[in-house]
Amino acid sequence: MNVTVVIPTYNEAENVEAMAEALWGLGIPDLHVLIVDDESPDGTGAIADRLAEENPGRLSVLHRSGPRGLGRAYVDGFRWALQHGADAIVQMDCDFSHAPADVPRLLAHLPDYDVVIGSRYVKGGRTDEKWSFGRVLLSWWANFYARAILGCRVRDITAGFKAWRREALAGIDLDCIFSQGYVFQVEMIYVAGRLGYRILEVPIYFEDRRIGRSKMTLPVKFEAAWRVWQVRWRHRHLQPRRGNV
């Protein structure tokens, strides 16, 4: 199984090499790392280029020069992975909040599911003990709010750690995914559910980022809250596809 791990980066110079090494250390045959860099001013892209040169066939770099945004970066990365023959596509952060060691656990369920989510909010899942009460409450509320508006059963609908079967990503019209920022995660899993894809959540420990500053600011979270309504309206006519149910 050809696996491509798509990692969007912006100012991750201190993490990108360590993340690549950790993923290669898993011993997964045919694992390829794709770094999607949004013109990081700290030199992340240059480090990724060096890694690609030193590790041909194991790491590639997609330099984005257009409008920035997490959603755009992931969509471009997904398209690249599909075009280059990936059978499974993993999406994850570069800051080690998603543990590389959990990647095999997600992939192990893909034969039976279309998308597997590394979930903080199913039994056995948890977040970093260093999170403040306010951060815990805000994260819980964001998930509760989005699930209630969209009628989605996924417990961790805002999760950014997922493994996709090729057929599932190829079956989603990525041209119709418009969300940027962190509501992109909500839109993707909502569309997958509307199309009838089989979704599984497996528990993970979500660690606070080891190095650097979080890009998840309070204004970003409030913006995501009202954009959930846009997601519901935009995809209101989607129906399960034959063979997905």
Protein backbone atom coordinates (compact mmCIF):
# COMPACT_ATOMS: atom_id res chain seq x y z
CA MET A 1 0.00 0.00 0.00
CA ASN A 2 1.44 3.33 -1.07
CA VAL A 3 0.98 5.85 1.77
CA THR A 4 1.40 9.59 1.39
CA VAL A 5 1.46 11.73 4.54
CA VAL A 6 0.36 15.27 3.70
CA ILE A 7 1.74 17.90 6.09
CA PRO A 8 0.93 21.58 5.58
CA THR A 9 3.56 23.91 7.03
CA TYR A 10 3.89 27.55 7.92
CA ASN A 11 6.87 28.50 10.07
CA GLU A 12 7.72 24.94 11.13
CA ALA A 13 11.49 25.13 10.56
CA GLU A 14 12.16 23.63 13.99
CA ASN A 15 9.83 20.68 13.48
CA VAL A 16 9.83 19.62 9.83
CA GLU A 17 13.00 17.50 9.79
CA ALA A 18 12.21 15.79 13.09
CA MET A 19 8.70 14.99 11.87
CA ALA A 20 9.97 13.46 8.63
CA GLU A 21 12.51 11.34 10.51
CA ALA A 22 9.84 10.18 12.97
CA LEU A 23 7.54 9.10 10.14
CA TRP A 24 10.30 7.23 8.32
CA GLY A 25 11.20 5.55 11.58
CA LEU A 26 7.80 3.84 11.70
CA GLY A 27 9.02 1.23 9.25
CA ILE A 28 5.98 1.55 6.97
CA PRO A 29 6.90 0.35 3.46
CA ASP A 30 6.24 2.83 0.65
CA LEU A 31 5.60 5.76 2.99
CA HIS A 32 6.08 9.11 1.29
CA VAL A 33 6.04 12.50 3.03
CA LEU A 34 4.63 15.52 1.22
CA ILE A 35 5.39 18.92 2.74
CA VAL A 36 2.99 21.63 1.55
CA ASP A 37 4.61 24.92 2.46
CA ASP A 38 2.88 28.30 2.35
CA GLU A 39 5.97 30.46 1.77
CA SER A 40 7.13 30.19 5.38
CA PRO A 41 9.37 33.18 6.16
CA ASP A 42 11.39 31.12 8.65
CA GLY A 43 12.93 28.91 5.96
CA THR A 44 10.75 25.82 6.39
CA GLY A 45 10.52 25.41 2.61
CA ALA A 46 14.30 25.47 2.17
CA ILE A 47 14.75 22.81 4.86
CA ALA A 48 12.11 20.67 3.18
CA ASP A 49 13.87 21.09 -0.18
CA ARG A 50 17.11 19.87 1.38
CA LEU A 51 15.36 16.85 2.85
CA ALA A 52 13.81 16.06 -0.54
CA GLU A 53 17.23 16.24 -2.19
CA GLU A 54 18.78 14.01 0.46
CA ASN A 55 15.88 11.53 0.42
CA PRO A 56 14.74 11.07 -3.20
CA GLY A 57 11.53 9.11 -3.45
CA ARG A 58 10.75 9.55 0.25
CA LEU A 59 9.88 13.23 0.53
CA SER A 60 8.48 15.84 -1.83
CA VAL A 61 7.77 19.53 -1.40
CA LEU A 62 4.86 21.50 -2.78
CA HIS A 63 5.55 25.23 -2.61
CA ARG A 64 2.38 27.28 -2.64
CA SER A 65 2.65 30.90 -3.76
CA GLY A 66 -1.01 31.78 -4.05
CA PRO A 67 -3.48 32.65 -1.29
CA ARG A 68 -2.54 31.00 1.99
CA GLY A 69 -4.81 28.87 4.10
CA LEU A 70 -4.96 25.46 5.72
CA GLY A 71 -7.81 24.32 3.50
CA ARG A 72 -6.09 25.34 0.27
CA ALA A 73 -2.87 23.66 1.38
CA TYR A 74 -4.62 20.40 2.15
CA VAL A 75 -6.65 20.37 -1.06
CA ASP A 76 -3.51 20.94 -3.12
CA GLY A 77 -1.73 18.23 -1.14
CA PHE A 78 -4.60 15.77 -1.58
CA ARG A 79 -4.64 16.36 -5.32
CA TRP A 80 -0.88 15.81 -5.50
CA ALA A 81 -1.15 12.55 -3.57
CA LEU A 82 -3.95 11.25 -5.79
CA GLN A 83 -2.07 12.20 -8.95
CA HIS A 84 1.01 10.38 -7.71
CA GLY A 85 -0.77 7.10 -7.00
CA ALA A 86 -1.26 7.09 -3.24
CA ASP A 87 -3.51 4.30 -1.99
CA ALA A 88 -3.85 5.90 1.45
CA ILE A 89 -3.49 9.55 2.39
CA VAL A 90 -2.76 10.66 5.94
CA GLN A 91 -3.21 14.28 7.00
CA MET A 92 -1.54 15.59 10.13
CA ASP A 93 0.12 18.61 11.74
CA CYS A 94 3.86 19.18 11.75
CA ASP A 95 4.10 20.27 15.38
CA PHE A 96 3.86 16.79 16.98
CA SER A 97 0.43 17.44 18.46
CA HIS A 98 -0.43 14.42 16.30
CA ALA A 99 1.89 11.60 17.28
CA PRO A 100 3.61 9.88 14.33
CA ALA A 101 3.40 6.63 16.29
CA ASP A 102 -0.40 6.72 15.84
CA VAL A 103 -0.20 6.66 12.03
CA PRO A 104 -0.04 2.82 11.82
CA ARG A 105 -3.09 2.59 14.09
CA LEU A 106 -5.11 4.75 11.70
CA LEU A 107 -3.91 2.92 8.61
CA ALA A 108 -4.72 -0.47 10.12
CA HIS A 109 -8.46 0.28 9.90
CA LEU A 110 -8.54 1.51 6.30
CA PRO A 111 -9.40 -1.87 4.80
CA ASP A 112 -12.77 -1.63 6.59
CA TYR A 113 -13.37 2.14 6.64
CA ASP A 114 -13.11 5.04 4.20
CA VAL A 115 -11.75 7.57 6.67
CA VAL A 116 -10.22 6.99 10.08
CA ILE A 117 -10.04 9.88 12.54
CA GLY A 118 -7.54 10.28 15.36
CA SER A 119 -10.04 11.42 17.95
CA ARG A 120 -9.63 13.27 21.22
CA TYR A 121 -13.25 12.81 22.25
CA VAL A 122 -14.03 9.12 22.04
CA LYS A 123 -13.38 6.74 24.93
CA GLY A 124 -9.65 6.55 25.52
CA GLY A 125 -8.88 9.82 23.74
CA ARG A 126 -7.53 12.79 25.66
CA THR A 127 -5.83 16.16 25.36
CA ASP A 128 -2.65 17.50 26.89
CA GLU A 129 -2.81 17.96 30.65
CA LYS A 130 -1.17 21.38 30.22
CA TRP A 131 -4.24 22.77 28.43
CA SER A 132 -5.95 25.49 30.42
CA PHE A 133 -9.56 25.05 31.47
CA GLY A 134 -10.55 27.75 28.99
CA ARG A 135 -8.86 25.96 26.11
CA VAL A 136 -10.44 22.63 27.02
CA LEU A 137 -13.87 24.26 27.25
CA LEU A 138 -13.49 26.10 23.96
CA SER A 139 -12.38 22.95 22.11
CA TRP A 140 -15.23 20.94 23.59
CA TRP A 141 -17.73 23.67 22.73
CA ALA A 142 -16.48 23.98 19.14
CA ASN A 143 -17.06 20.27 18.60
CA PHE A 144 -20.45 20.27 20.30
CA TYR A 145 -21.56 23.34 18.34
CA ALA A 146 -20.48 22.01 14.94
CA ARG A 147 -21.97 18.57 15.59
CA ALA A 148 -25.27 20.09 16.66
CA ILE A 149 -25.55 22.42 13.66
CA LEU A 150 -24.60 19.72 11.16
CA GLY A 151 -26.27 16.74 12.83
CA CYS A 152 -23.00 14.83 12.68
CA ARG A 153 -22.29 11.84 14.91
CA VAL A 154 -18.50 12.18 14.74
CA ARG A 155 -17.31 13.10 18.22
CA ASP A 156 -14.18 14.98 17.13
CA ILE A 157 -15.48 16.77 14.05
CA THR A 158 -12.70 19.39 14.22
CA ALA A 159 -9.93 16.77 14.22
CA GLY A 160 -7.06 17.33 11.81
CA PHE A 161 -5.49 13.87 12.11
CA LYS A 162 -7.06 11.51 9.56
CA ALA A 163 -6.30 8.65 7.20
CA TRP A 164 -8.26 8.47 3.94
CA ARG A 165 -8.72 5.67 1.46
CA ARG A 166 -7.83 6.82 -2.02
CA GLU A 167 -11.32 6.09 -3.29
CA ALA A 168 -12.89 8.27 -0.59
CA LEU A 169 -10.82 11.36 -1.35
CA ALA A 170 -11.24 10.83 -5.09
CA GLY A 171 -15.00 10.63 -4.57
CA ILE A 172 -15.16 14.04 -2.89
CA ASP A 173 -15.38 16.95 -5.30
CA LEU A 174 -12.49 18.97 -3.88
CA ASP A 175 -13.51 21.92 -6.07
CA CYS A 176 -16.58 22.23 -3.84
CA ILE A 177 -14.57 22.42 -0.61
CA PHE A 178 -14.28 26.14 0.06
CA SER A 179 -13.46 26.39 3.75
CA GLN A 180 -10.13 27.78 4.87
CA GLY A 181 -8.71 27.82 8.35
CA TYR A 182 -9.76 25.13 10.76
CA VAL A 183 -13.39 24.79 9.66
CA PHE A 184 -11.91 22.94 6.68
CA GLN A 185 -11.69 19.86 8.92
CA VAL A 186 -15.38 20.18 9.73
CA GLU A 187 -16.39 20.54 6.09
CA MET A 188 -14.39 17.53 4.90
CA ILE A 189 -15.80 15.12 7.48
CA TYR A 190 -19.33 16.49 7.04
CA VAL A 191 -19.16 15.93 3.27
CA ALA A 192 -17.74 12.44 3.81
CA GLY A 193 -20.67 11.63 6.08
CA ARG A 194 -23.24 13.06 3.67
CA LEU A 195 -21.79 10.91 0.89
CA GLY A 196 -22.22 7.80 3.02
CA TYR A 197 -18.57 7.03 3.65
CA ARG A 198 -17.68 4.69 6.50
CA ILE A 199 -16.08 6.75 9.28
CA LEU A 200 -14.24 5.42 12.33
CA GLU A 201 -12.78 7.33 15.27
CA VAL A 202 -9.83 5.86 17.14
CA PRO A 203 -8.64 7.42 20.41
CA ILE A 204 -5.43 9.46 20.47
CA TYR A 205 -3.53 11.59 22.93
CA PHE A 206 -3.38 15.13 21.58
CA GLU A 207 -0.14 16.67 22.79
CA ASP A 208 0.42 20.42 22.96
CA ARG A 209 2.86 21.53 20.27
CA ARG A 210 6.46 20.96 21.35
CA ILE A 211 8.12 23.92 19.61
CA GLY A 212 6.74 27.19 18.26
CA ARG A 213 3.45 28.97 18.74
CA SER A 214 -0.04 27.70 18.04
CA LYS A 215 -1.81 29.20 15.03
CA MET A 216 -5.22 28.46 16.56
CA THR A 217 -6.11 31.89 17.92
CA LEU A 218 -9.38 32.91 19.55
CA PRO A 219 -10.51 35.02 16.54
CA VAL A 220 -9.86 32.04 14.26
CA LYS A 221 -12.11 29.86 16.39
CA PHE A 222 -14.92 32.42 16.48
CA GLU A 223 -14.73 32.80 12.70
CA ALA A 224 -14.97 29.04 12.29
CA ALA A 225 -18.13 28.98 14.42
CA TRP A 226 -20.22 31.05 12.04
CA ARG A 227 -18.75 29.41 8.95
CA VAL A 228 -20.24 26.09 10.08
CA TRP A 229 -23.60 27.43 8.91
CA GLN A 230 -22.12 28.02 5.47
CA VAL A 231 -20.96 24.41 5.35
CA ARG A 232 -24.46 23.16 6.15
CA TRP A 233 -26.07 25.33 3.48
CA ARG A 234 -23.47 24.61 0.80
CA HIS A 235 -23.80 20.83 1.01
CA ARG A 236 -27.47 20.54 1.90
CA HIS A 237 -28.31 18.60 -1.29
CA LEU A 238 -25.60 15.93 -0.99
CA GLN A 239 -26.87 12.36 -0.87
CA PRO A 240 -25.10 9.04 -0.21
CA ARG A 241 -23.61 7.57 -3.34
CA ARG A 242 -24.49 4.12 -4.53
CA GLY A 243 -22.09 1.61 -3.01
CA ASN A 244 -21.29 3.82 0.03
CA VAL A 245 -24.20 2.56 2.08
